[in-house]
Amino acid sequence: MKAFVHAYGELKVKDMNEPFADHGQVKVSLKTAGLNRRDVAVPGRRGDEAEPLILGSDGAGVVEAIGEGVSEFSVGDEVIVNPSLGWYENAEAPPKQFDILGMPDNGTFTETIVLPAEQLEKKPEHLSWEEAGVLALSGLTGYRALFTKGNLQAEDTLFIPGAGSGVATYLIQFAKKAGARVIVSSRSEEKCNQALELGADRAIDTNSDWSEELKDETIDIVIDSVGQATFNRSLDVLEKGGRFVTFGATTDDTVELNLRKFFYGQYKLIGSTMGSQEELHAMLEYIEQHEIHPIVDRSFLLDDAQSALDYLKASKQFGKVVLKVSD
């Protein structure tokens, strides 16, 4: 089978051995696979490891074969992959055995994948294959950050720095369906306009003076995944006593924090990562109830996976980038 792998410090498309569905496992013929920032980072973490690793955490496809003991799926079922491994019930933090598909286990940038049946969910019927293939990781991350950790309420105002990220496009839609007011920022006028079309109430220039721009707003919650470049600017516009949720750092991981200003402001700093199977089920129910569609910016063929990664790394996208694996 064809797959996009990392080995010896290089990324390439190569033929890999076809996997076999053993007891409790399901073999899926993938239609699409979604890219995430994690896929950009994995090669650097692996260095010069020789063993080929198939990248990718998100995917959607059709059940091709089932192993013994599997009763919840049948050949021909349309499914999506749950990339959150070993985390089943909602909790304050993931369990010690928690991992994410795509490292150390082989991921979804491939024609077929074998996974435990518990790592698959039925594909929402209202989604296209491209939409389904980019849903789970970003949608689950956004759902947990917004509702489980951020405790978003209908009367809240939410501020999201970086309007074009995949998670941001979910956050905008999730928060608006919950009745909240949503404000975003972007360096791109085009992305600001796209965010407004998606439902955001305001969009401001990232290079503007946020404190001045938002002086008449009451920001109850910030969800920031940019990191060092926006952390303190985001904190400056947050209402005293507000919630600051962070789940990533596309710029530098390390930030300087004025501790006295922080505790006088009575702020709540909350970390969040991915989510549990229980939260994934809640997220799937939410998008089906509200007929929410993931925003797909651009699709690439599996053979062009390197170009897709380069496109994502350059932050050119508004929404998600997807690989088309098969028709």
C-alpha atoms as a PDB file:
ATOM      1  CA  MET A   1       0.000   0.000   0.000  1.00  0.00           C
ATOM      2  CA  LYS A   2       1.061   3.602  -0.600  1.00  0.00           C
ATOM      3  CA  ALA A   3       1.872   5.772   2.431  1.00  0.00           C
ATOM      4  CA  PHE A   4       3.579   9.063   3.333  1.00  0.00           C
ATOM      5  CA  VAL A   5       6.315   8.230   5.828  1.00  0.00           C
ATOM      6  CA  HIS A   6       9.178   9.700   7.817  1.00  0.00           C
ATOM      7  CA  ALA A   7      12.430   7.728   7.980  1.00  0.00           C
ATOM      8  CA  TYR A   8      16.129   8.636   8.283  1.00  0.00           C
ATOM      9  CA  GLY A   9      15.169  12.286   8.628  1.00  0.00           C
ATOM     10  CA  GLU A  10      13.321  12.340   5.313  1.00  0.00           C
ATOM     11  CA  LEU A  11       9.682  12.471   4.236  1.00  0.00           C
ATOM     12  CA  LYS A  12       8.527  10.512   1.201  1.00  0.00           C
ATOM     13  CA  VAL A  13       5.728   8.476  -0.327  1.00  0.00           C
ATOM     14  CA  LYS A  14       6.606   4.777  -0.365  1.00  0.00           C
ATOM     15  CA  ASP A  15       5.063   1.321  -0.462  1.00  0.00           C
ATOM     16  CA  MET A  16       4.393  -0.266   2.934  1.00  0.00           C
ATOM     17  CA  ASN A  17       3.146  -3.709   3.915  1.00  0.00           C
ATOM     18  CA  GLU A  18      -0.644  -4.067   4.007  1.00  0.00           C
ATOM     19  CA  PRO A  19      -1.912  -4.327   7.623  1.00  0.00           C
ATOM     20  CA  PHE A  20      -4.098  -7.190   8.849  1.00  0.00           C
ATOM     21  CA  ALA A  21      -7.127  -6.855  11.148  1.00  0.00           C
ATOM     22  CA  ASP A  22      -6.494  -9.061  14.190  1.00  0.00           C
ATOM     23  CA  HIS A  23      -8.839  -9.777  17.114  1.00  0.00           C
ATOM     24  CA  GLY A  24     -10.771  -6.650  18.110  1.00  0.00           C
ATOM     25  CA  GLN A  25      -9.405  -4.657  15.183  1.00  0.00           C
ATOM     26  CA  VAL A  26     -10.902  -3.062  12.080  1.00  0.00           C
ATOM     27  CA  LYS A  27      -9.214  -2.452   8.734  1.00  0.00           C
ATOM     28  CA  VAL A  28     -10.272   0.787   7.050  1.00  0.00           C
ATOM     29  CA  SER A  29      -9.759   1.811   3.444  1.00  0.00           C
ATOM     30  CA  LEU A  30      -9.146   5.535   3.843  1.00  0.00           C
ATOM     31  CA  LYS A  31     -10.830   8.088   1.603  1.00  0.00           C
ATOM     32  CA  THR A  32      -9.313  11.210   3.151  1.00  0.00           C
ATOM     33  CA  ALA A  33      -6.811  12.212   5.831  1.00  0.00           C
ATOM     34  CA  GLY A  34      -6.616  15.558   7.604  1.00  0.00           C
ATOM     35  CA  LEU A  35      -3.436  17.501   8.310  1.00  0.00           C
ATOM     36  CA  ASN A  36      -2.670  19.004  11.703  1.00  0.00           C
ATOM     37  CA  ARG A  37       0.144  21.115  13.139  1.00  0.00           C
ATOM     38  CA  ARG A  38       1.323  17.968  14.874  1.00  0.00           C
ATOM     39  CA  ASP A  39       2.237  16.458  11.508  1.00  0.00           C
ATOM     40  CA  VAL A  40       4.599  19.371  10.869  1.00  0.00           C
ATOM     41  CA  ALA A  41       6.324  18.816  14.230  1.00  0.00           C
ATOM     42  CA  VAL A  42       6.650  15.009  14.250  1.00  0.00           C
ATOM     43  CA  PRO A  43       9.651  14.763  11.836  1.00  0.00           C
ATOM     44  CA  GLY A  44      11.677  17.097  14.057  1.00  0.00           C
ATOM     45  CA  ARG A  45      10.852  15.050  17.126  1.00  0.00           C
ATOM     46  CA  ARG A  46      11.932  11.807  15.453  1.00  0.00           C
ATOM     47  CA  GLY A  47      15.212  13.127  14.068  1.00  0.00           C
ATOM     48  CA  ASP A  48      17.084  10.444  12.140  1.00  0.00           C
ATOM     49  CA  GLU A  49      15.102   7.419  13.320  1.00  0.00           C
ATOM     50  CA  ALA A  50      15.385   4.645  10.754  1.00  0.00           C
ATOM     51  CA  GLU A  51      12.046   2.881  11.256  1.00  0.00           C
ATOM     52  CA  PRO A  52       9.497   4.307   8.781  1.00  0.00           C
ATOM     53  CA  LEU A  53       6.564   6.019  10.489  1.00  0.00           C
ATOM     54  CA  ILE A  54       3.348   6.831   8.642  1.00  0.00           C
ATOM     55  CA  LEU A  55       2.304  10.363   9.591  1.00  0.00           C
ATOM     56  CA  GLY A  56      -1.247  11.557  10.189  1.00  0.00           C
ATOM     57  CA  SER A  57      -3.805  11.580  12.988  1.00  0.00           C
ATOM     58  CA  ASP A  58      -7.125  12.310  11.238  1.00  0.00           C
ATOM     59  CA  GLY A  59      -8.900  10.226   8.631  1.00  0.00           C
ATOM     60  CA  ALA A  60     -12.169   8.887   7.268  1.00  0.00           C
ATOM     61  CA  GLY A  61     -12.976   5.871   5.141  1.00  0.00           C
ATOM     62  CA  VAL A  62     -14.848   2.611   4.642  1.00  0.00           C
ATOM     63  CA  VAL A  63     -14.517  -0.549   6.721  1.00  0.00           C
ATOM     64  CA  GLU A  64     -12.748  -3.135   4.557  1.00  0.00           C
ATOM     65  CA  ALA A  65     -12.376  -6.015   7.036  1.00  0.00           C
ATOM     66  CA  ILE A  66     -13.072  -6.797  10.683  1.00  0.00           C
ATOM     67  CA  GLY A  67     -11.227  -9.052  13.090  1.00  0.00           C
ATOM     68  CA  GLU A  68     -12.729 -11.584  15.452  1.00  0.00           C
ATOM     69  CA  GLY A  69     -14.709 -10.173  18.339  1.00  0.00           C
ATOM     70  CA  VAL A  70     -15.819  -7.013  16.523  1.00  0.00           C
ATOM     71  CA  SER A  71     -19.593  -6.595  16.503  1.00  0.00           C
ATOM     72  CA  GLU A  72     -20.128  -2.830  16.349  1.00  0.00           C
ATOM     73  CA  PHE A  73     -18.972  -2.438  12.738  1.00  0.00           C
ATOM     74  CA  SER A  74     -19.603  -4.232   9.461  1.00  0.00           C
ATOM     75  CA  VAL A  75     -17.766  -4.267   6.156  1.00  0.00           C
ATOM     76  CA  GLY A  76     -18.889  -1.235   4.158  1.00  0.00           C
ATOM     77  CA  ASP A  77     -19.551   1.036   7.149  1.00  0.00           C
ATOM     78  CA  GLU A  78     -18.418   4.649   6.726  1.00  0.00           C
ATOM     79  CA  VAL A  79     -16.242   5.705   9.665  1.00  0.00           C
ATOM     80  CA  ILE A  80     -13.948   8.395  11.029  1.00  0.00           C
ATOM     81  CA  VAL A  81     -10.803   7.840  13.073  1.00  0.00           C
ATOM     82  CA  ASN A  82     -10.566   8.912  16.713  1.00  0.00           C
ATOM     83  CA  PRO A  83      -6.901   9.963  17.093  1.00  0.00           C
ATOM     84  CA  SER A  84      -7.116  10.196  20.907  1.00  0.00           C
ATOM     85  CA  LEU A  85      -5.629   6.913  22.130  1.00  0.00           C
ATOM     86  CA  GLY A  86      -6.261   5.506  25.591  1.00  0.00           C
ATOM     87  CA  TRP A  87      -8.506   8.321  26.872  1.00  0.00           C
ATOM     88  CA  TYR A  88     -12.096   7.202  27.263  1.00  0.00           C
ATOM     89  CA  GLU A  89     -13.892   9.116  30.021  1.00  0.00           C
ATOM     90  CA  ASN A  90     -13.819  12.869  30.522  1.00  0.00           C
ATOM     91  CA  ALA A  91     -11.307  13.912  33.180  1.00  0.00           C
ATOM     92  CA  GLU A  92      -9.374  16.967  34.343  1.00  0.00           C
ATOM     93  CA  ALA A  93      -6.309  15.644  32.499  1.00  0.00           C
ATOM     94  CA  PRO A  94      -5.573  12.738  30.171  1.00  0.00           C
ATOM     95  CA  PRO A  95      -4.477   9.419  31.705  1.00  0.00           C
ATOM     96  CA  LYS A  96      -0.813   8.392  31.754  1.00  0.00           C
ATOM     97  CA  GLN A  97      -1.325   5.972  28.852  1.00  0.00           C
ATOM     98  CA  PHE A  98      -2.793   8.697  26.607  1.00  0.00           C
ATOM     99  CA  ASP A  99      -1.230   9.090  23.173  1.00  0.00           C
ATOM    100  CA  ILE A 100      -2.130  10.588  19.794  1.00  0.00           C
ATOM    101  CA  LEU A 101      -2.276   8.563  16.596  1.00  0.00           C
ATOM    102  CA  GLY A 102       0.589   9.227  14.215  1.00  0.00           C
ATOM    103  CA  MET A 103       3.508   8.804  16.639  1.00  0.00           C
ATOM    104  CA  PRO A 104       4.606   6.363  17.924  1.00  0.00           C
ATOM    105  CA  ASP A 105       1.941   4.339  16.060  1.00  0.00           C
ATOM    106  CA  ASN A 106       1.481   4.543  12.293  1.00  0.00           C
ATOM    107  CA  GLY A 107      -1.054   7.141  11.253  1.00  0.00           C
ATOM    108  CA  THR A 108      -3.539   7.997   8.521  1.00  0.00           C
ATOM    109  CA  PHE A 109      -1.500   9.259   5.548  1.00  0.00           C
ATOM    110  CA  THR A 110      -1.935   5.897   3.880  1.00  0.00           C
ATOM    111  CA  GLU A 111      -4.352   3.877   1.785  1.00  0.00           C
ATOM    112  CA  THR A 112      -5.367   1.498   4.589  1.00  0.00           C
ATOM    113  CA  ILE A 113      -5.099   1.483   8.373  1.00  0.00           C
ATOM    114  CA  VAL A 114      -5.879  -1.055  11.082  1.00  0.00           C
ATOM    115  CA  LEU A 115      -7.116   0.197  14.439  1.00  0.00           C
ATOM    116  CA  PRO A 116      -8.902  -1.171  17.511  1.00  0.00           C
ATOM    117  CA  ALA A 117     -12.654  -0.948  16.939  1.00  0.00           C
ATOM    118  CA  GLU A 118     -12.904   1.488  19.855  1.00  0.00           C
ATOM    119  CA  GLN A 119     -10.880   4.049  17.867  1.00  0.00           C
ATOM    120  CA  LEU A 120     -13.515   4.363  15.165  1.00  0.00           C
ATOM    121  CA  GLU A 121     -16.819   6.246  15.036  1.00  0.00           C
ATOM    122  CA  LYS A 122     -19.594   6.266  12.467  1.00  0.00           C
ATOM    123  CA  LYS A 123     -19.153   9.062   9.945  1.00  0.00           C
ATOM    124  CA  PRO A 124     -21.717  11.867  10.385  1.00  0.00           C
ATOM    125  CA  GLU A 125     -24.081  11.537   7.432  1.00  0.00           C
ATOM    126  CA  HIS A 126     -24.239  15.261   6.632  1.00  0.00           C
ATOM    127  CA  LEU A 127     -20.478  15.528   6.061  1.00  0.00           C
ATOM    128  CA  SER A 128     -18.577  14.996   2.824  1.00  0.00           C
ATOM    129  CA  TRP A 129     -15.516  12.735   2.851  1.00  0.00           C
ATOM    130  CA  GLU A 130     -13.219  15.765   2.892  1.00  0.00           C
ATOM    131  CA  GLU A 131     -15.084  17.278   5.845  1.00  0.00           C
ATOM    132  CA  ALA A 132     -15.157  13.980   7.746  1.00  0.00           C
ATOM    133  CA  GLY A 133     -11.433  13.440   7.229  1.00  0.00           C
ATOM    134  CA  VAL A 134     -10.489  16.680   9.028  1.00  0.00           C
ATOM    135  CA  LEU A 135     -13.007  16.540  11.846  1.00  0.00           C
ATOM    136  CA  ALA A 136     -11.804  14.612  14.870  1.00  0.00           C
ATOM    137  CA  LEU A 137      -8.546  16.102  16.175  1.00  0.00           C
ATOM    138  CA  SER A 138      -9.311  19.803  15.711  1.00  0.00           C
ATOM    139  CA  GLY A 139     -13.009  19.465  16.463  1.00  0.00           C
ATOM    140  CA  LEU A 140     -12.338  17.545  19.668  1.00  0.00           C
ATOM    141  CA  THR A 141      -9.573  19.938  20.717  1.00  0.00           C
ATOM    142  CA  GLY A 142     -11.864  22.922  20.203  1.00  0.00           C
ATOM    143  CA  TYR A 143     -14.832  21.308  21.924  1.00  0.00           C
ATOM    144  CA  ARG A 144     -12.886  20.472  25.085  1.00  0.00           C
ATOM    145  CA  ALA A 145     -11.137  23.864  25.214  1.00  0.00           C
ATOM    146  CA  LEU A 146     -14.414  25.739  24.758  1.00  0.00           C
ATOM    147  CA  PHE A 147     -16.904  23.759  26.815  1.00  0.00           C
ATOM    148  CA  THR A 148     -15.143  21.366  29.190  1.00  0.00           C
ATOM    149  CA  LYS A 149     -12.262  23.644  30.163  1.00  0.00           C
ATOM    150  CA  GLY A 150     -13.496  27.093  29.146  1.00  0.00           C
ATOM    151  CA  ASN A 151     -17.046  26.595  30.462  1.00  0.00           C
ATOM    152  CA  LEU A 152     -18.429  28.866  27.745  1.00  0.00           C
ATOM    153  CA  GLN A 153     -21.808  30.425  28.553  1.00  0.00           C
ATOM    154  CA  ALA A 154     -24.355  31.947  26.174  1.00  0.00           C
ATOM    155  CA  GLU A 155     -23.748  35.467  27.481  1.00  0.00           C
ATOM    156  CA  ASP A 156     -19.939  35.261  27.177  1.00  0.00           C
ATOM    157  CA  THR A 157     -17.690  37.099  24.757  1.00  0.00           C
ATOM    158  CA  LEU A 158     -14.915  34.917  23.360  1.00  0.00           C
ATOM    159  CA  PHE A 159     -11.682  36.218  21.825  1.00  0.00           C
ATOM    160  CA  ILE A 160      -9.693  33.956  19.446  1.00  0.00           C
ATOM    161  CA  PRO A 161      -6.276  35.156  18.216  1.00  0.00           C
ATOM    162  CA  GLY A 162      -5.454  33.603  14.846  1.00  0.00           C
ATOM    163  CA  ALA A 163      -8.718  33.281  12.935  1.00  0.00           C
ATOM    164  CA  GLY A 164      -7.456  30.972  10.202  1.00  0.00           C
ATOM    165  CA  SER A 165      -6.431  27.898  12.168  1.00  0.00           C
ATOM    166  CA  GLY A 166      -8.422  24.704  11.864  1.00  0.00           C
ATOM    167  CA  VAL A 167      -9.407  24.736  15.533  1.00  0.00           C
ATOM    168  CA  ALA A 168     -10.384  28.420  15.326  1.00  0.00           C
ATOM    169  CA  THR A 169     -12.923  27.688  12.589  1.00  0.00           C
ATOM    170  CA  TYR A 170     -14.529  25.083  14.847  1.00  0.00           C
ATOM    171  CA  LEU A 171     -14.435  27.429  17.855  1.00  0.00           C
ATOM    172  CA  ILE A 172     -16.244  30.163  15.924  1.00  0.00           C
ATOM    173  CA  GLN A 173     -19.034  27.816  14.866  1.00  0.00           C
ATOM    174  CA  PHE A 174     -19.330  26.027  18.225  1.00  0.00           C
ATOM    175  CA  ALA A 175     -19.442  29.268  20.206  1.00  0.00           C
ATOM    176  CA  LYS A 176     -21.983  30.952  17.933  1.00  0.00           C
ATOM    177  CA  LYS A 177     -24.311  27.941  18.135  1.00  0.00           C
ATOM    178  CA  ALA A 178     -24.032  28.237  21.939  1.00  0.00           C
ATOM    179  CA  GLY A 179     -25.144  31.887  21.766  1.00  0.00           C
ATOM    180  CA  ALA A 180     -21.823  33.571  22.609  1.00  0.00           C
ATOM    181  CA  ARG A 181     -20.287  36.677  21.051  1.00  0.00           C
ATOM    182  CA  VAL A 182     -17.103  35.904  19.091  1.00  0.00           C
ATOM    183  CA  ILE A 183     -14.179  38.189  18.262  1.00  0.00           C
ATOM    184  CA  VAL A 184     -11.153  37.049  16.260  1.00  0.00           C
ATOM    185  CA  SER A 185      -7.880  38.484  15.033  1.00  0.00           C
ATOM    186  CA  SER A 186      -5.786  37.886  11.936  1.00  0.00           C
ATOM    187  CA  ARG A 187      -2.964  39.559  10.045  1.00  0.00           C
ATOM    188  CA  SER A 188      -4.896  38.800   6.859  1.00  0.00           C
ATOM    189  CA  GLU A 189      -7.834  40.966   5.824  1.00  0.00           C
ATOM    190  CA  GLU A 190      -9.101  38.046   3.750  1.00  0.00           C
ATOM    191  CA  LYS A 191      -9.111  35.717   6.769  1.00  0.00           C
ATOM    192  CA  CYS A 192     -10.861  38.378   8.848  1.00  0.00           C
ATOM    193  CA  ASN A 193     -13.597  38.552   6.226  1.00  0.00           C
ATOM    194  CA  GLN A 194     -13.832  34.753   6.060  1.00  0.00           C
ATOM    195  CA  ALA A 195     -14.219  34.601   9.838  1.00  0.00           C
ATOM    196  CA  LEU A 196     -17.033  37.144   9.690  1.00  0.00           C
ATOM    197  CA  GLU A 197     -18.751  35.120   6.970  1.00  0.00           C
ATOM    198  CA  LEU A 198     -18.411  32.045   9.196  1.00  0.00           C
ATOM    199  CA  GLY A 199     -20.231  33.830  12.007  1.00  0.00           C
ATOM    200  CA  ALA A 200     -17.718  35.871  14.017  1.00  0.00           C
ATOM    201  CA  ASP A 201     -19.147  39.140  15.332  1.00  0.00           C
ATOM    202  CA  ARG A 202     -15.911  41.131  14.998  1.00  0.00           C
ATOM    203  CA  ALA A 203     -12.532  40.640  13.371  1.00  0.00           C
ATOM    204  CA  ILE A 204      -9.557  42.851  14.187  1.00  0.00           C
ATOM    205  CA  ASP A 205      -6.082  43.194  12.693  1.00  0.00           C
ATOM    206  CA  THR A 206      -3.474  41.230  14.636  1.00  0.00           C
ATOM    207  CA  ASN A 207      -1.047  44.132  14.201  1.00  0.00           C
ATOM    208  CA  SER A 208      -3.437  46.659  15.741  1.00  0.00           C
ATOM    209  CA  ASP A 209      -3.510  47.834  19.363  1.00  0.00           C
ATOM    210  CA  TRP A 210      -5.823  45.212  20.859  1.00  0.00           C
ATOM    211  CA  SER A 211      -6.393  47.089  24.094  1.00  0.00           C
ATOM    212  CA  GLU A 212      -7.550  50.118  22.126  1.00  0.00           C
ATOM    213  CA  GLU A 213      -9.562  48.105  19.598  1.00  0.00           C
ATOM    214  CA  LEU A 214     -11.376  46.134  22.300  1.00  0.00           C
ATOM    215  CA  LYS A 215     -11.678  48.796  25.006  1.00  0.00           C
ATOM    216  CA  ASP A 216     -15.473  48.754  24.723  1.00  0.00           C
ATOM    217  CA  GLU A 217     -15.700  44.940  24.835  1.00  0.00           C
ATOM    218  CA  THR A 218     -15.889  42.664  27.861  1.00  0.00           C
ATOM    219  CA  ILE A 219     -13.776  39.624  27.018  1.00  0.00           C
ATOM    220  CA  ASP A 220     -14.849  36.791  29.309  1.00  0.00           C
ATOM    221  CA  ILE A 221     -12.734  34.057  27.761  1.00  0.00           C
ATOM    222  CA  VAL A 222      -9.656  33.871  25.527  1.00  0.00           C
ATOM    223  CA  ILE A 223      -8.688  30.704  23.679  1.00  0.00           C
ATOM    224  CA  ASP A 224      -5.141  31.182  22.426  1.00  0.00           C
ATOM    225  CA  SER A 225      -3.028  28.586  20.613  1.00  0.00           C
ATOM    226  CA  VAL A 226      -0.482  30.984  19.118  1.00  0.00           C
ATOM    227  CA  GLY A 227       1.818  31.096  22.151  1.00  0.00           C
ATOM    228  CA  GLN A 228       4.490  33.669  22.890  1.00  0.00           C
ATOM    229  CA  ALA A 229       3.535  36.072  20.089  1.00  0.00           C
ATOM    230  CA  THR A 230       0.051  36.732  21.469  1.00  0.00           C
ATOM    231  CA  PHE A 231      -0.037  35.435  25.052  1.00  0.00           C
ATOM    232  CA  ASN A 232       0.432  38.709  26.950  1.00  0.00           C
ATOM    233  CA  ARG A 233      -1.528  40.727  24.405  1.00  0.00           C
ATOM    234  CA  SER A 234      -4.436  38.314  24.883  1.00  0.00           C
ATOM    235  CA  LEU A 235      -4.125  38.565  28.649  1.00  0.00           C
ATOM    236  CA  ASP A 236      -4.215  42.382  28.425  1.00  0.00           C
ATOM    237  CA  VAL A 237      -7.711  42.367  26.874  1.00  0.00           C
ATOM    238  CA  LEU A 238      -9.171  39.691  29.158  1.00  0.00           C
ATOM    239  CA  GLU A 239     -11.674  40.905  31.745  1.00  0.00           C
ATOM    240  CA  LYS A 240     -10.489  40.575  35.341  1.00  0.00           C
ATOM    241  CA  GLY A 241     -11.488  37.167  36.627  1.00  0.00           C
ATOM    242  CA  GLY A 242     -11.683  35.851  33.058  1.00  0.00           C
ATOM    243  CA  ARG A 243     -10.627  32.465  31.705  1.00  0.00           C
ATOM    244  CA  PHE A 244      -7.559  32.038  29.510  1.00  0.00           C
ATOM    245  CA  VAL A 245      -7.467  28.646  27.787  1.00  0.00           C
ATOM    246  CA  THR A 246      -4.381  27.528  25.896  1.00  0.00           C
ATOM    247  CA  PHE A 247      -3.947  24.311  23.921  1.00  0.00           C
ATOM    248  CA  GLY A 248      -0.968  25.013  21.669  1.00  0.00           C
ATOM    249  CA  ALA A 249       1.910  27.264  20.726  1.00  0.00           C
ATOM    250  CA  THR A 250       2.525  27.778  17.011  1.00  0.00           C
ATOM    251  CA  THR A 251       5.089  30.422  18.006  1.00  0.00           C
ATOM    252  CA  ASP A 252       7.549  29.947  20.889  1.00  0.00           C
ATOM    253  CA  ASP A 253       6.474  27.763  23.837  1.00  0.00           C
ATOM    254  CA  THR A 254       8.004  30.005  26.523  1.00  0.00           C
ATOM    255  CA  VAL A 255       6.322  33.219  27.675  1.00  0.00           C
ATOM    256  CA  GLU A 256       7.141  35.887  30.269  1.00  0.00           C
ATOM    257  CA  LEU A 257       4.363  36.514  32.776  1.00  0.00           C
ATOM    258  CA  ASN A 258       3.935  39.455  35.130  1.00  0.00           C
ATOM    259  CA  LEU A 259       2.814  37.404  38.106  1.00  0.00           C
ATOM    260  CA  ARG A 260       1.661  40.343  40.225  1.00  0.00           C
ATOM    261  CA  LYS A 261      -0.519  41.656  37.393  1.00  0.00           C
ATOM    262  CA  PHE A 262      -1.874  38.143  36.931  1.00  0.00           C
ATOM    263  CA  PHE A 263      -2.914  37.522  40.520  1.00  0.00           C
ATOM    264  CA  TYR A 264      -4.300  41.038  40.971  1.00  0.00           C
ATOM    265  CA  GLY A 265      -6.428  40.373  37.916  1.00  0.00           C
ATOM    266  CA  GLN A 266      -7.699  37.099  39.429  1.00  0.00           C
ATOM    267  CA  TYR A 267      -7.277  35.422  36.028  1.00  0.00           C
ATOM    268  CA  LYS A 268      -7.752  31.718  35.444  1.00  0.00           C
ATOM    269  CA  LEU A 269      -5.080  30.107  33.235  1.00  0.00           C
ATOM    270  CA  ILE A 270      -6.268  26.743  31.900  1.00  0.00           C
ATOM    271  CA  GLY A 271      -4.362  24.191  29.850  1.00  0.00           C
ATOM    272  CA  SER A 272      -6.161  21.854  27.472  1.00  0.00           C
ATOM    273  CA  THR A 273      -5.116  19.026  25.153  1.00  0.00           C
ATOM    274  CA  MET A 274      -7.215  17.034  22.701  1.00  0.00           C
ATOM    275  CA  GLY A 275     -10.058  15.266  24.559  1.00  0.00           C
ATOM    276  CA  SER A 276     -11.627  11.998  25.635  1.00  0.00           C
ATOM    277  CA  GLN A 277     -13.803   9.547  23.731  1.00  0.00           C
ATOM    278  CA  GLU A 278     -16.725  10.766  25.841  1.00  0.00           C
ATOM    279  CA  GLU A 279     -16.116  14.341  24.657  1.00  0.00           C
ATOM    280  CA  LEU A 280     -15.731  13.165  21.071  1.00  0.00           C
ATOM    281  CA  HIS A 281     -19.183  11.617  21.253  1.00  0.00           C
ATOM    282  CA  ALA A 282     -20.546  14.885  22.655  1.00  0.00           C
ATOM    283  CA  MET A 283     -18.815  16.851  19.872  1.00  0.00           C
ATOM    284  CA  LEU A 284     -20.217  14.569  17.166  1.00  0.00           C
ATOM    285  CA  GLU A 285     -23.709  14.938  18.631  1.00  0.00           C
ATOM    286  CA  TYR A 286     -23.232  18.737  18.719  1.00  0.00           C
ATOM    287  CA  ILE A 287     -22.200  19.045  15.067  1.00  0.00           C
ATOM    288  CA  GLU A 288     -25.024  16.760  13.959  1.00  0.00           C
ATOM    289  CA  GLN A 289     -27.588  18.657  16.041  1.00  0.00           C
ATOM    290  CA  HIS A 290     -26.485  22.009  14.592  1.00  0.00           C
ATOM    291  CA  GLU A 291     -25.446  20.679  11.152  1.00  0.00           C
ATOM    292  CA  ILE A 292     -21.972  22.177  11.530  1.00  0.00           C
ATOM    293  CA  HIS A 293     -19.569  21.633   8.632  1.00  0.00           C
ATOM    294  CA  PRO A 294     -15.771  21.653   8.999  1.00  0.00           C
ATOM    295  CA  ILE A 295     -14.099  24.318   6.884  1.00  0.00           C
ATOM    296  CA  VAL A 296     -11.815  22.744   4.285  1.00  0.00           C
ATOM    297  CA  ASP A 297      -9.402  25.243   2.760  1.00  0.00           C
ATOM    298  CA  ARG A 298      -7.642  23.040   0.223  1.00  0.00           C
ATOM    299  CA  SER A 299      -7.169  19.392  -0.706  1.00  0.00           C
ATOM    300  CA  PHE A 300      -4.060  17.610  -2.010  1.00  0.00           C
ATOM    301  CA  LEU A 301      -3.464  14.121  -3.369  1.00  0.00           C
ATOM    302  CA  LEU A 302      -1.577  11.663  -1.175  1.00  0.00           C
ATOM    303  CA  ASP A 303       1.320  11.834  -3.644  1.00  0.00           C
ATOM    304  CA  ASP A 304       1.522  15.573  -2.907  1.00  0.00           C
ATOM    305  CA  ALA A 305       1.580  15.224   0.888  1.00  0.00           C
ATOM    306  CA  GLN A 306       4.860  17.146   1.169  1.00  0.00           C
ATOM    307  CA  SER A 307       3.303  20.119  -0.627  1.00  0.00           C
ATOM    308  CA  ALA A 308       0.333  19.914   1.736  1.00  0.00           C
ATOM    309  CA  LEU A 309       2.638  20.009   4.777  1.00  0.00           C
ATOM    310  CA  ASP A 310       4.527  22.982   3.343  1.00  0.00           C
ATOM    311  CA  TYR A 311       1.241  24.793   2.728  1.00  0.00           C
ATOM    312  CA  LEU A 312       0.121  24.192   6.312  1.00  0.00           C
ATOM    313  CA  LYS A 313       3.489  25.190   7.738  1.00  0.00           C
ATOM    314  CA  ALA A 314       3.261  28.521   5.909  1.00  0.00           C
ATOM    315  CA  SER A 315      -0.117  29.223   7.610  1.00  0.00           C
ATOM    316  CA  LYS A 316      -1.734  30.035   4.303  1.00  0.00           C
ATOM    317  CA  GLN A 317      -4.951  28.198   5.080  1.00  0.00           C
ATOM    318  CA  PHE A 318      -8.296  29.271   6.496  1.00  0.00           C
ATOM    319  CA  GLY A 319      -9.598  26.092   8.074  1.00  0.00           C
ATOM    320  CA  LYS A 320      -8.316  22.602   7.374  1.00  0.00           C
ATOM    321  CA  VAL A 321      -6.033  20.992   4.794  1.00  0.00           C
ATOM    322  CA  VAL A 322      -6.931  17.499   3.596  1.00  0.00           C
ATOM    323  CA  LEU A 323      -5.298  14.675   1.649  1.00  0.00           C
ATOM    324  CA  LYS A 324      -7.443  12.812  -0.872  1.00  0.00           C
ATOM    325  CA  VAL A 325      -6.344   9.203  -0.525  1.00  0.00           C
ATOM    326  CA  SER A 326      -8.848   7.446  -2.791  1.00  0.00           C
ATOM    327  CA  ASP A 327     -12.049   8.110  -4.745  1.00  0.00           C
END
